[in-house]
Amino acid sequence: MRERKVSVIIPVYNAEKYLTECMESILSQTYKHMEIICVDDGSTDGSAEIIRRFQKKDARIKLIRQKNQYAGVARNNGFRVAEGEYVIFLDADDYFDHGLIEKMAAAMHEKNADIVICGSRGFDETLGKEHDLDGALDMDHLPPKDVFSKRDIPESIFQLTAGWAWDKMYRADFIREKDLRFQDIRAAEDELFVDVSLGEAEAITIVREVLITHRTNVVSSLAYKKDQFWYCGYEMLSAEKAELERRGLFRMLEKSFVNRAAGYIAWYAGSMTTPVFFSEFYSFYQKKAIKELGLSDCPEELYDDPPIYETIKKMEQYDEKEFLCDQIRVLNQAMVEKDICIQECTREFLHVTEWLKERMGWMQSGKRWVLPDGFAPKGSRIILYGFGDVGRDWYREIQKNRHVELVMVVDRDCRKFQTNAVNVCPVEAIGTAEYDYVLIAINEKDVANAVKEHLVRQNVPPKKIIWLDPAKRISE
């Protein structure tokens, strides 16, 4: 395959905390024939200087500066100067698999696609853990063919993927031919672009691998300020409906749009936490937006999710206080159902535990996890990661044998060990310690590998991470 040039466009606004990791994961891509267009959207921190430092190392990087006009305008301005045959819009606080561009570009070329969508996952910045992303590439809506369009799934084309641009690669001429533009609004600026592109594309294909890790729960991001920008959602949905109608796409895609719009409204109604903004949002949608978006006249059979349909109808019929009281009632009922489920799961867990004890004789045999001598050079300073069954046995062996120095014990669930005689610290404390090795005391290999990846992202050198398979080291 002749390497098509790929334009990587990154809007940047006060992203200095994450920008270095983002740029490094782009520059380490296996695909080299690309240009990296960073559009500084009026940052007031050191973002521009970080980009300039990378420019000195790599001539493929371009820097455009603009006054603060938000990410949509930044993407449009970046695309305006893009020279690539393919284009991808990435976010400055995310990080990427080294094969992202190569795998996406290969799919674009092999399938002659207008759009390629890849798998993604979230990384919760507050909790420090990876998680699934709601709405990201829903395989349940994928038609049984490699290349498809709206004609294959007209009733669910917008439910296939979330309305964000950063997990999609586009054919640049497709964007120009269809005159696609991002909205110049503060939030939700990419959904119009994404949905209209899905409606216009003749060839869409999928890369099923998870190639992008998207940060969530980032305190500095717009997601934390979404309550005050609720009006942007209406501007987006209203513009999308009008644009689909103008392009002659609405009749075919009406059901999918109804579910996209209703789901967005119901999500906002259920997740807002600021009373004054919720009152503004509720009043506006009840009196104007729901009707204008065409949801008032939609029959129930157009909705895929009955609870979302019920939420829209309640917003039309209830005043704000009645709606909130009903939400409390629904939550209380959910809590009751959750408690019942927990009780049933607990009973099942106890049953399985007793079965295991009976079959394995584990408790009666006095088996323990053995830490072999010489797992680390004598005198090494060790951080023990994990204080479960394996960790507690290994802790006792280290304390007993004394051939290494234990400097710290950490565990993600350190709070539950607060009453223990051992001082178990949070994982983040590793960054404050002086050590030679981090010893992972976890039995399951997959979990241990995930911990390794997390530690590396926290700047622990891979050569300082030790994992020994505890299952091979059990003694009576």
Protein backbone atom coordinates (compact mmCIF):
# COMPACT_ATOMS: atom_id res chain seq x y z
CA MET A 1 0.00 0.00 0.00
CA ARG A 2 1.26 3.45 -0.93
CA GLU A 3 1.33 5.48 2.26
CA ARG A 4 -1.38 8.11 2.03
CA LYS A 5 -0.58 11.25 3.94
CA VAL A 6 -2.65 11.55 7.11
CA SER A 7 -3.43 14.90 8.72
CA VAL A 8 -3.69 14.64 12.51
CA ILE A 9 -5.55 17.69 13.80
CA ILE A 10 -5.46 18.45 17.53
CA PRO A 11 -7.32 21.37 19.14
CA VAL A 12 -5.36 22.46 22.20
CA TYR A 13 -6.65 24.55 25.08
CA ASN A 14 -4.78 24.67 28.40
CA ALA A 15 -3.73 21.04 28.03
CA GLU A 16 -0.17 21.26 29.39
CA LYS A 17 -0.81 18.54 32.00
CA TYR A 18 -1.50 15.89 29.36
CA LEU A 19 -0.08 17.32 26.13
CA THR A 20 3.38 15.74 26.39
CA GLU A 21 1.94 12.23 26.74
CA CYS A 22 -0.47 12.93 23.87
CA MET A 23 2.28 14.17 21.54
CA GLU A 24 4.65 11.35 22.43
CA SER A 25 2.03 8.73 21.63
CA ILE A 26 1.40 10.40 18.25
CA LEU A 27 5.08 10.75 17.36
CA SER A 28 5.67 7.09 18.27
CA GLN A 29 3.09 5.92 15.72
CA THR A 30 4.23 3.12 13.42
CA TYR A 31 2.79 5.11 10.50
CA LYS A 32 5.17 7.92 9.61
CA HIS A 33 3.67 9.73 6.58
CA MET A 34 1.60 12.27 8.46
CA GLU A 35 1.41 15.91 9.43
CA ILE A 36 0.44 16.93 12.95
CA ILE A 37 -1.52 20.18 13.06
CA CYS A 38 -1.87 21.56 16.59
CA VAL A 39 -4.33 24.43 16.87
CA ASP A 40 -3.77 26.43 20.05
CA ASP A 41 -7.17 27.83 20.96
CA GLY A 42 -5.94 30.79 23.01
CA SER A 43 -4.31 28.76 25.77
CA THR A 44 -3.16 30.68 28.84
CA ASP A 45 -0.83 27.96 30.13
CA GLY A 46 2.33 26.45 28.66
CA SER A 47 0.65 24.42 25.92
CA ALA A 48 2.09 26.43 23.01
CA GLU A 49 5.60 26.18 24.41
CA ILE A 50 5.29 22.39 24.74
CA ILE A 51 4.26 22.17 21.09
CA ARG A 52 7.20 24.38 20.04
CA ARG A 53 9.58 22.06 21.89
CA PHE A 54 8.23 19.11 19.94
CA GLN A 55 8.44 21.13 16.70
CA LYS A 56 12.19 21.41 17.18
CA LYS A 57 12.42 17.62 17.25
CA ASP A 58 9.97 16.80 14.43
CA ALA A 59 9.34 18.83 11.27
CA ARG A 60 5.94 17.20 10.74
CA ILE A 61 4.40 19.32 13.51
CA LYS A 62 2.62 22.55 12.61
CA LEU A 63 1.35 25.09 15.14
CA ILE A 64 -1.62 27.36 14.45
CA ARG A 65 -2.61 29.92 17.07
CA GLN A 66 -6.03 31.55 17.37
CA LYS A 67 -7.94 33.49 19.96
CA ASN A 68 -10.20 31.35 22.12
CA GLN A 69 -13.03 30.28 19.80
CA TYR A 70 -13.48 26.72 21.10
CA ALA A 71 -12.63 23.29 19.73
CA GLY A 72 -15.01 23.29 16.76
CA VAL A 73 -13.46 26.38 15.20
CA ALA A 74 -9.98 25.05 15.99
CA ARG A 75 -10.72 21.83 14.10
CA ASN A 76 -12.14 23.76 11.14
CA ASN A 77 -9.04 25.98 11.01
CA GLY A 78 -6.77 22.98 11.25
CA PHE A 79 -8.59 21.21 8.43
CA ARG A 80 -8.40 24.33 6.28
CA VAL A 81 -4.61 23.93 6.00
CA ALA A 82 -4.56 20.11 6.03
CA GLU A 83 -2.76 18.46 3.11
CA GLY A 84 -3.47 14.83 3.97
CA GLU A 85 -5.60 12.42 1.97
CA TYR A 86 -7.02 11.19 5.25
CA VAL A 87 -7.70 13.23 8.39
CA ILE A 88 -8.26 12.38 12.04
CA PHE A 89 -9.27 14.79 14.81
CA LEU A 90 -7.66 13.81 18.13
CA ASP A 91 -8.00 15.35 21.60
CA ALA A 92 -5.00 16.81 23.42
CA ASP A 93 -5.67 15.00 26.70
CA ASP A 94 -5.98 11.49 25.24
CA TYR A 95 -3.32 8.90 24.41
CA PHE A 96 -3.15 6.36 21.63
CA ASP A 97 -2.09 2.88 20.61
CA HIS A 98 1.12 3.02 18.55
CA GLY A 99 -0.71 1.40 15.62
CA LEU A 100 -3.69 3.79 15.60
CA ILE A 101 -2.86 5.72 12.42
CA GLU A 102 -1.49 2.70 10.53
CA LYS A 103 -4.52 0.51 11.26
CA MET A 104 -7.05 3.24 10.56
CA ALA A 105 -5.34 4.31 7.32
CA ALA A 106 -5.08 0.68 6.17
CA ALA A 107 -8.81 0.21 6.71
CA MET A 108 -9.55 3.47 4.84
CA HIS A 109 -7.49 2.29 1.86
CA GLU A 110 -8.53 -1.38 1.77
CA LYS A 111 -12.25 -0.63 2.11
CA ASN A 112 -12.20 2.61 0.07
CA ALA A 113 -14.06 4.15 3.01
CA ASP A 114 -15.32 7.64 3.74
CA ILE A 115 -15.20 7.02 7.49
CA VAL A 116 -13.38 4.51 9.71
CA ILE A 117 -14.36 4.13 13.39
CA CYS A 118 -12.12 2.39 15.93
CA GLY A 119 -12.63 0.97 19.39
CA SER A 120 -11.85 3.10 22.44
CA ARG A 121 -11.84 2.96 26.22
CA GLY A 122 -11.97 5.48 29.03
CA PHE A 123 -9.44 6.30 31.70
CA ASP A 124 -11.00 7.84 34.81
CA GLU A 125 -8.58 10.54 35.86
CA THR A 126 -10.02 10.74 39.38
CA LEU A 127 -10.09 7.00 40.10
CA GLY A 128 -6.99 6.16 38.07
CA LYS A 129 -8.61 3.21 36.32
CA GLU A 130 -9.70 2.23 32.83
CA HIS A 131 -13.34 1.62 32.02
CA ASP A 132 -15.76 1.05 29.15
CA LEU A 133 -17.11 4.15 27.42
CA ASP A 134 -20.88 4.42 27.15
CA GLY A 135 -21.96 4.74 23.54
CA ALA A 136 -18.55 4.09 22.01
CA LEU A 137 -18.88 1.79 19.00
CA ASP A 138 -21.97 -0.23 19.94
CA MET A 139 -21.51 -3.54 18.13
CA ASP A 140 -25.18 -4.42 18.61
CA HIS A 141 -26.02 -1.89 15.89
CA LEU A 142 -23.32 -3.04 13.47
CA PRO A 143 -24.72 -4.55 10.24
CA PRO A 144 -23.35 -7.96 9.12
CA LYS A 145 -20.98 -6.55 6.48
CA ASP A 146 -17.53 -4.96 6.41
CA VAL A 147 -18.56 -1.78 4.59
CA PHE A 148 -21.94 -0.19 5.16
CA SER A 149 -23.90 3.05 5.10
CA LYS A 150 -27.11 4.57 6.44
CA ARG A 151 -29.11 2.42 4.02
CA ASP A 152 -28.11 -0.69 5.97
CA ILE A 153 -29.08 0.66 9.42
CA PRO A 154 -31.22 3.80 8.83
CA GLU A 155 -33.06 3.41 12.14
CA SER A 156 -29.89 3.20 14.25
CA ILE A 157 -27.02 4.80 12.34
CA PHE A 158 -26.51 7.43 15.08
CA GLN A 159 -26.68 4.78 17.81
CA LEU A 160 -23.73 2.90 16.32
CA THR A 161 -21.26 5.39 17.81
CA ALA A 162 -21.17 8.39 20.11
CA GLY A 163 -21.24 11.85 18.57
CA TRP A 164 -17.57 12.60 19.18
CA ALA A 165 -15.02 13.02 16.39
CA TRP A 166 -11.81 11.72 17.98
CA ASP A 167 -12.33 7.98 17.28
CA LYS A 168 -12.98 8.45 13.56
CA MET A 169 -10.76 8.88 10.49
CA TYR A 170 -12.20 10.63 7.43
CA ARG A 171 -11.37 10.86 3.77
CA ALA A 172 -10.45 14.52 3.43
CA ASP A 173 -12.15 14.97 0.05
CA PHE A 174 -15.34 13.51 1.53
CA ILE A 175 -15.37 16.31 4.13
CA ARG A 176 -14.85 18.89 1.38
CA GLU A 177 -17.38 17.38 -1.03
CA LYS A 178 -20.10 17.24 1.63
CA ASP A 179 -19.14 20.65 3.07
CA LEU A 180 -18.92 19.35 6.64
CA ARG A 181 -18.05 21.81 9.40
CA PHE A 182 -17.84 21.72 13.18
CA GLN A 183 -20.13 24.08 15.06
CA ASP A 184 -18.66 27.18 16.71
CA ILE A 185 -20.29 26.53 20.08
CA ARG A 186 -18.70 26.04 23.52
CA ALA A 187 -19.71 22.41 24.06
CA ALA A 188 -21.20 19.51 22.05
CA GLU A 189 -19.54 21.06 19.01
CA ASP A 190 -18.69 17.80 17.24
CA GLU A 191 -21.99 15.87 17.21
CA LEU A 192 -23.47 17.80 14.27
CA PHE A 193 -20.33 17.09 12.21
CA VAL A 194 -20.30 13.41 13.20
CA ASP A 195 -23.99 12.69 12.64
CA VAL A 196 -24.23 14.50 9.32
CA SER A 197 -21.09 12.71 8.14
CA LEU A 198 -22.62 9.36 9.09
CA GLY A 199 -25.73 10.32 7.13
CA GLU A 200 -23.77 11.42 4.06
CA ALA A 201 -21.18 8.62 3.92
CA GLU A 202 -21.49 5.89 1.33
CA ALA A 203 -18.80 3.68 2.86
CA ILE A 204 -18.25 3.28 6.61
CA THR A 205 -16.05 0.58 8.13
CA ILE A 206 -14.84 -0.47 11.56
CA VAL A 207 -11.52 -1.28 13.24
CA ARG A 208 -12.64 -3.36 16.20
CA GLU A 209 -9.43 -2.97 18.21
CA VAL A 210 -9.25 -0.50 21.10
CA LEU A 211 -6.79 2.09 19.79
CA ILE A 212 -7.64 5.23 21.79
CA THR A 213 -7.74 5.87 25.53
CA HIS A 214 -9.97 8.84 26.30
CA ARG A 215 -9.60 10.60 29.65
CA THR A 216 -12.77 11.08 31.67
CA ASN A 217 -13.47 12.87 34.96
CA VAL A 218 -10.90 15.51 34.05
CA VAL A 219 -11.64 18.41 36.39
CA SER A 220 -10.41 21.02 33.91
CA SER A 221 -12.52 19.70 31.02
CA LEU A 222 -15.83 21.06 29.77
CA ALA A 223 -17.58 17.91 31.01
CA TYR A 224 -17.17 19.29 34.54
CA LYS A 225 -18.87 22.52 33.45
CA LYS A 226 -21.58 21.01 31.30
CA ASP A 227 -24.44 22.29 33.48
CA GLN A 228 -23.77 25.92 32.60
CA PHE A 229 -23.44 25.09 28.89
CA TRP A 230 -26.70 23.15 28.63
CA TYR A 231 -27.94 25.49 25.89
CA CYS A 232 -25.22 24.21 23.55
CA GLY A 233 -27.00 20.86 23.46
CA TYR A 234 -30.14 22.52 22.12
CA GLU A 235 -28.14 24.48 19.54
CA MET A 236 -26.52 21.25 18.41
CA LEU A 237 -29.75 19.21 18.17
CA SER A 238 -31.69 22.02 16.50
CA ALA A 239 -28.94 22.58 13.93
CA GLU A 240 -28.63 18.85 13.28
CA LYS A 241 -32.35 18.44 12.60
CA ALA A 242 -32.32 21.43 10.25
CA GLU A 243 -29.20 20.19 8.44
CA LEU A 244 -30.56 16.67 7.98
CA GLU A 245 -33.74 18.17 6.55
CA ARG A 246 -31.80 20.51 4.24
CA ARG A 247 -29.77 17.61 2.89
CA GLY A 248 -32.82 15.42 2.35
CA LEU A 249 -31.73 12.88 4.96
CA PHE A 250 -34.21 13.44 7.76
CA ARG A 251 -37.08 11.23 6.61
CA MET A 252 -34.81 8.20 6.29
CA LEU A 253 -32.99 8.87 9.57
CA GLU A 254 -35.85 10.29 11.68
CA LYS A 255 -36.06 7.33 14.10
CA SER A 256 -32.33 7.40 14.73
CA PHE A 257 -32.37 11.17 15.26
CA VAL A 258 -35.33 10.93 17.67
CA ASN A 259 -33.44 8.42 19.80
CA ARG A 260 -30.22 10.47 19.63
CA ALA A 261 -32.02 13.68 20.67
CA ALA A 262 -34.25 12.11 23.33
CA GLY A 263 -31.33 10.18 24.81
CA TYR A 264 -29.25 13.34 25.00
CA ILE A 265 -32.04 15.27 26.74
CA ALA A 266 -32.79 12.46 29.19
CA TRP A 267 -29.08 12.12 30.01
CA TYR A 268 -28.82 15.84 30.72
CA ALA A 269 -31.99 15.82 32.83
CA GLY A 270 -30.65 12.97 34.92
CA SER A 271 -27.08 14.19 35.36
CA MET A 272 -27.29 17.93 36.07
CA THR A 273 -26.28 18.89 39.61
CA THR A 274 -26.61 22.70 39.67
CA PRO A 275 -30.16 23.77 40.65
CA VAL A 276 -30.19 27.14 38.87
CA PHE A 277 -28.96 25.69 35.57
CA PHE A 278 -31.32 22.73 35.87
CA SER A 279 -34.27 25.12 36.26
CA GLU A 280 -33.22 27.03 33.15
CA PHE A 281 -32.71 23.79 31.22
CA TYR A 282 -35.99 22.23 32.33
CA SER A 283 -38.12 25.29 31.63
CA PHE A 284 -36.62 25.81 28.18
CA TYR A 285 -36.97 22.20 27.06
CA GLN A 286 -40.47 21.86 28.47
CA LYS A 287 -41.82 25.04 26.90
CA LYS A 288 -39.91 25.09 23.64
CA ALA A 289 -37.19 22.62 22.75
CA ILE A 290 -39.00 19.27 22.97
CA LYS A 291 -41.69 20.50 20.59
CA GLU A 292 -39.26 22.24 18.23
CA LEU A 293 -37.15 19.11 17.96
CA GLY A 294 -40.23 17.15 16.90
CA LEU A 295 -40.28 14.87 19.95
CA SER A 296 -43.78 15.84 21.15
CA ASP A 297 -45.47 14.25 18.17
CA CYS A 298 -43.35 11.11 18.00
CA PRO A 299 -45.23 7.87 18.69
CA GLU A 300 -43.83 5.59 21.37
CA GLU A 301 -42.83 2.96 18.80
CA LEU A 302 -40.16 5.30 17.44
CA TYR A 303 -38.28 5.06 20.74
CA ASP A 304 -35.85 2.21 21.38
CA ASP A 305 -35.72 2.79 25.15
CA PRO A 306 -39.08 3.02 27.00
CA PRO A 307 -37.58 4.83 30.06
CA ILE A 308 -36.26 7.59 27.76
CA TYR A 309 -39.68 7.93 26.17
CA GLU A 310 -41.22 8.17 29.65
CA THR A 311 -38.69 10.86 30.66
CA ILE A 312 -39.57 13.02 27.64
CA LYS A 313 -43.30 12.67 28.32
CA LYS A 314 -42.85 13.53 32.00
CA MET A 315 -40.85 16.64 31.07
CA GLU A 316 -43.77 17.73 28.91
CA GLN A 317 -46.41 17.06 31.57
CA TYR A 318 -44.79 17.69 34.97
CA ASP A 319 -43.60 20.93 36.44
CA GLU A 320 -40.03 20.99 37.69
CA LYS A 321 -40.78 19.94 41.28
CA GLU A 322 -43.08 17.11 40.19
CA PHE A 323 -40.42 15.86 37.81
CA LEU A 324 -37.70 15.89 40.47
CA CYS A 325 -39.94 14.12 42.97
CA ASP A 326 -40.66 11.46 40.39
CA GLN A 327 -36.92 11.09 39.75
CA ILE A 328 -36.38 10.53 43.47
CA ARG A 329 -39.12 7.89 43.46
CA VAL A 330 -37.49 6.11 40.51
CA LEU A 331 -34.07 6.23 42.20
CA ASN A 332 -35.49 4.85 45.45
CA GLN A 333 -37.08 1.99 43.56
CA ALA A 334 -33.80 1.32 41.79
CA MET A 335 -32.01 1.24 45.16
CA VAL A 336 -34.51 -1.29 46.51
CA GLU A 337 -34.00 -3.47 43.44
CA LYS A 338 -30.24 -3.08 43.80
CA ASP A 339 -30.36 -4.14 47.46
CA ILE A 340 -32.38 -7.23 46.54
CA CYS A 341 -29.87 -8.04 43.80
CA ILE A 342 -26.94 -7.60 46.22
CA GLN A 343 -28.60 -9.92 48.73
CA GLU A 344 -29.13 -12.56 46.06
CA CYS A 345 -25.53 -12.20 44.83
CA THR A 346 -24.23 -12.41 48.40
CA ARG A 347 -26.13 -15.63 49.01
CA GLU A 348 -24.80 -17.06 45.75
CA PHE A 349 -21.26 -15.96 46.63
CA LEU A 350 -21.42 -17.64 50.04
CA HIS A 351 -22.76 -20.78 48.43
CA VAL A 352 -19.90 -20.86 45.91
CA THR A 353 -17.34 -20.10 48.64
CA GLU A 354 -18.54 -23.00 50.74
CA TRP A 355 -18.46 -25.24 47.68
CA LEU A 356 -14.84 -24.24 46.99
CA LYS A 357 -13.82 -24.82 50.59
CA GLU A 358 -15.41 -28.23 50.52
CA ARG A 359 -13.84 -29.28 47.19
CA MET A 360 -10.38 -27.82 47.71
CA GLY A 361 -9.99 -28.15 51.46
CA TRP A 362 -8.22 -24.80 51.22
CA MET A 363 -8.90 -23.51 54.70
CA GLN A 364 -8.18 -26.85 56.37
CA SER A 365 -4.91 -27.46 54.53
CA GLY A 366 -3.23 -24.26 55.70
CA LYS A 367 -1.84 -23.50 52.23
CA ARG A 368 -0.07 -20.20 51.67
CA TRP A 369 1.53 -18.19 48.90
CA VAL A 370 5.30 -18.60 48.86
CA LEU A 371 7.71 -15.85 47.81
CA PRO A 372 10.89 -17.46 46.44
CA ASP A 373 14.32 -16.44 47.68
CA GLY A 374 16.29 -14.33 45.27
CA PHE A 375 13.27 -12.73 43.55
CA ALA A 376 15.25 -9.47 43.81
CA PRO A 377 18.92 -8.65 44.55
CA LYS A 378 19.85 -8.61 48.21
CA GLY A 379 19.28 -5.24 49.86
CA SER A 380 16.77 -4.09 47.23
CA ARG A 381 14.17 -1.56 48.30
CA ILE A 382 10.75 -3.05 47.60
CA ILE A 383 7.25 -1.60 47.25
CA LEU A 384 4.63 -4.32 47.65
CA TYR A 385 1.59 -3.70 45.40
CA GLY A 386 -1.50 -5.47 46.73
CA PHE A 387 -2.48 -6.55 50.24
CA GLY A 388 -4.91 -9.36 49.53
CA ASP A 389 -4.22 -13.00 50.32
CA VAL A 390 -1.05 -13.07 48.21
CA GLY A 391 0.17 -9.71 49.46
CA ARG A 392 -0.29 -10.55 53.13
CA ASP A 393 1.63 -13.84 52.77
CA TRP A 394 4.43 -12.15 50.86
CA TYR A 395 4.50 -9.29 53.37
CA ARG A 396 5.08 -11.77 56.19
CA GLU A 397 7.86 -13.53 54.23
CA ILE A 398 9.64 -10.27 53.46
CA GLN A 399 9.42 -9.22 57.11
CA LYS A 400 10.67 -12.62 58.19
CA ASN A 401 13.55 -13.17 55.76
CA ARG A 402 14.83 -9.57 55.67
CA HIS A 403 17.00 -10.05 52.57
CA VAL A 404 15.24 -7.04 50.99
CA GLU A 405 13.99 -3.78 52.51
CA LEU A 406 10.23 -3.22 52.38
CA VAL A 407 9.71 0.54 52.00
CA MET A 408 5.98 0.66 51.33
CA VAL A 409 2.80 -1.38 50.88
CA VAL A 410 0.19 0.01 48.48
CA ASP A 411 -3.27 -1.12 47.45
CA ARG A 412 -6.05 0.49 45.40
CA ASP A 413 -8.44 -0.44 48.21
CA CYS A 414 -6.15 0.86 50.95
CA ARG A 415 -9.07 2.29 52.94
CA LYS A 416 -10.34 -1.14 53.90
CA PHE A 417 -6.98 -1.89 55.55
CA GLN A 418 -6.93 1.27 57.68
CA THR A 419 -7.63 -0.68 60.86
CA ASN A 420 -4.87 -3.16 60.07
CA ALA A 421 -1.55 -3.03 61.88
CA VAL A 422 0.17 -2.57 58.51
CA ASN A 423 0.20 0.92 57.00
CA VAL A 424 -1.26 0.36 53.52
CA CYS A 425 -0.92 3.45 51.30
CA PRO A 426 -2.77 4.50 48.14
CA VAL A 427 -1.13 3.56 44.84
CA GLU A 428 -0.38 7.21 44.08
CA ALA A 429 2.09 7.23 46.98
CA ILE A 430 4.56 5.28 44.82
CA GLY A 431 5.52 8.57 43.21
CA THR A 432 6.79 9.88 46.56
CA ALA A 433 8.94 6.86 47.46
CA GLU A 434 12.50 5.81 46.74
CA TYR A 435 12.59 2.18 45.63
CA ASP A 436 14.31 -0.35 43.41
CA TYR A 437 11.36 -2.58 42.51
CA VAL A 438 7.56 -2.71 42.68
CA LEU A 439 6.48 -6.29 43.45
CA ILE A 440 2.94 -7.02 42.22
CA ALA A 441 1.21 -9.39 44.65
CA ILE A 442 -1.72 -10.41 42.47
CA ASN A 443 -2.72 -13.92 41.48
CA GLU A 444 -4.54 -13.30 38.17
CA LYS A 445 -2.20 -12.71 35.24
CA ASP A 446 -4.63 -10.46 33.31
CA VAL A 447 -5.13 -8.24 36.35
CA ALA A 448 -1.39 -8.11 36.97
CA ASN A 449 -0.79 -7.06 33.35
CA ALA A 450 -3.35 -4.28 33.71
CA VAL A 451 -1.56 -3.12 36.87
CA LYS A 452 1.76 -3.13 34.98
CA GLU A 453 0.27 -0.91 32.27
CA HIS A 454 -1.11 1.47 34.86
CA LEU A 455 2.23 1.67 36.70
CA VAL A 456 4.08 2.41 33.47
CA ARG A 457 1.65 5.26 32.77
CA GLN A 458 2.46 6.52 36.26
CA ASN A 459 6.13 6.69 35.24
CA VAL A 460 7.29 3.47 36.92
CA PRO A 461 10.02 2.03 34.64
CA PRO A 462 9.01 -1.43 33.30
CA LYS A 463 12.36 -2.88 34.40
CA LYS A 464 11.46 -2.01 38.00
CA ILE A 465 8.19 -3.99 37.94
CA ILE A 466 8.20 -7.60 39.15
CA TRP A 467 5.36 -10.10 38.85
CA LEU A 468 5.74 -13.74 39.86
CA ASP A 469 2.94 -16.22 39.23
CA PRO A 470 1.76 -16.99 42.80
CA ALA A 471 -0.21 -20.02 41.63
CA LYS A 472 3.07 -21.80 40.96
CA ARG A 473 4.28 -21.06 44.48
CA ILE A 474 1.82 -22.60 46.93
CA SER A 475 2.93 -24.70 49.86
CA GLU A 476 1.30 -26.55 52.71
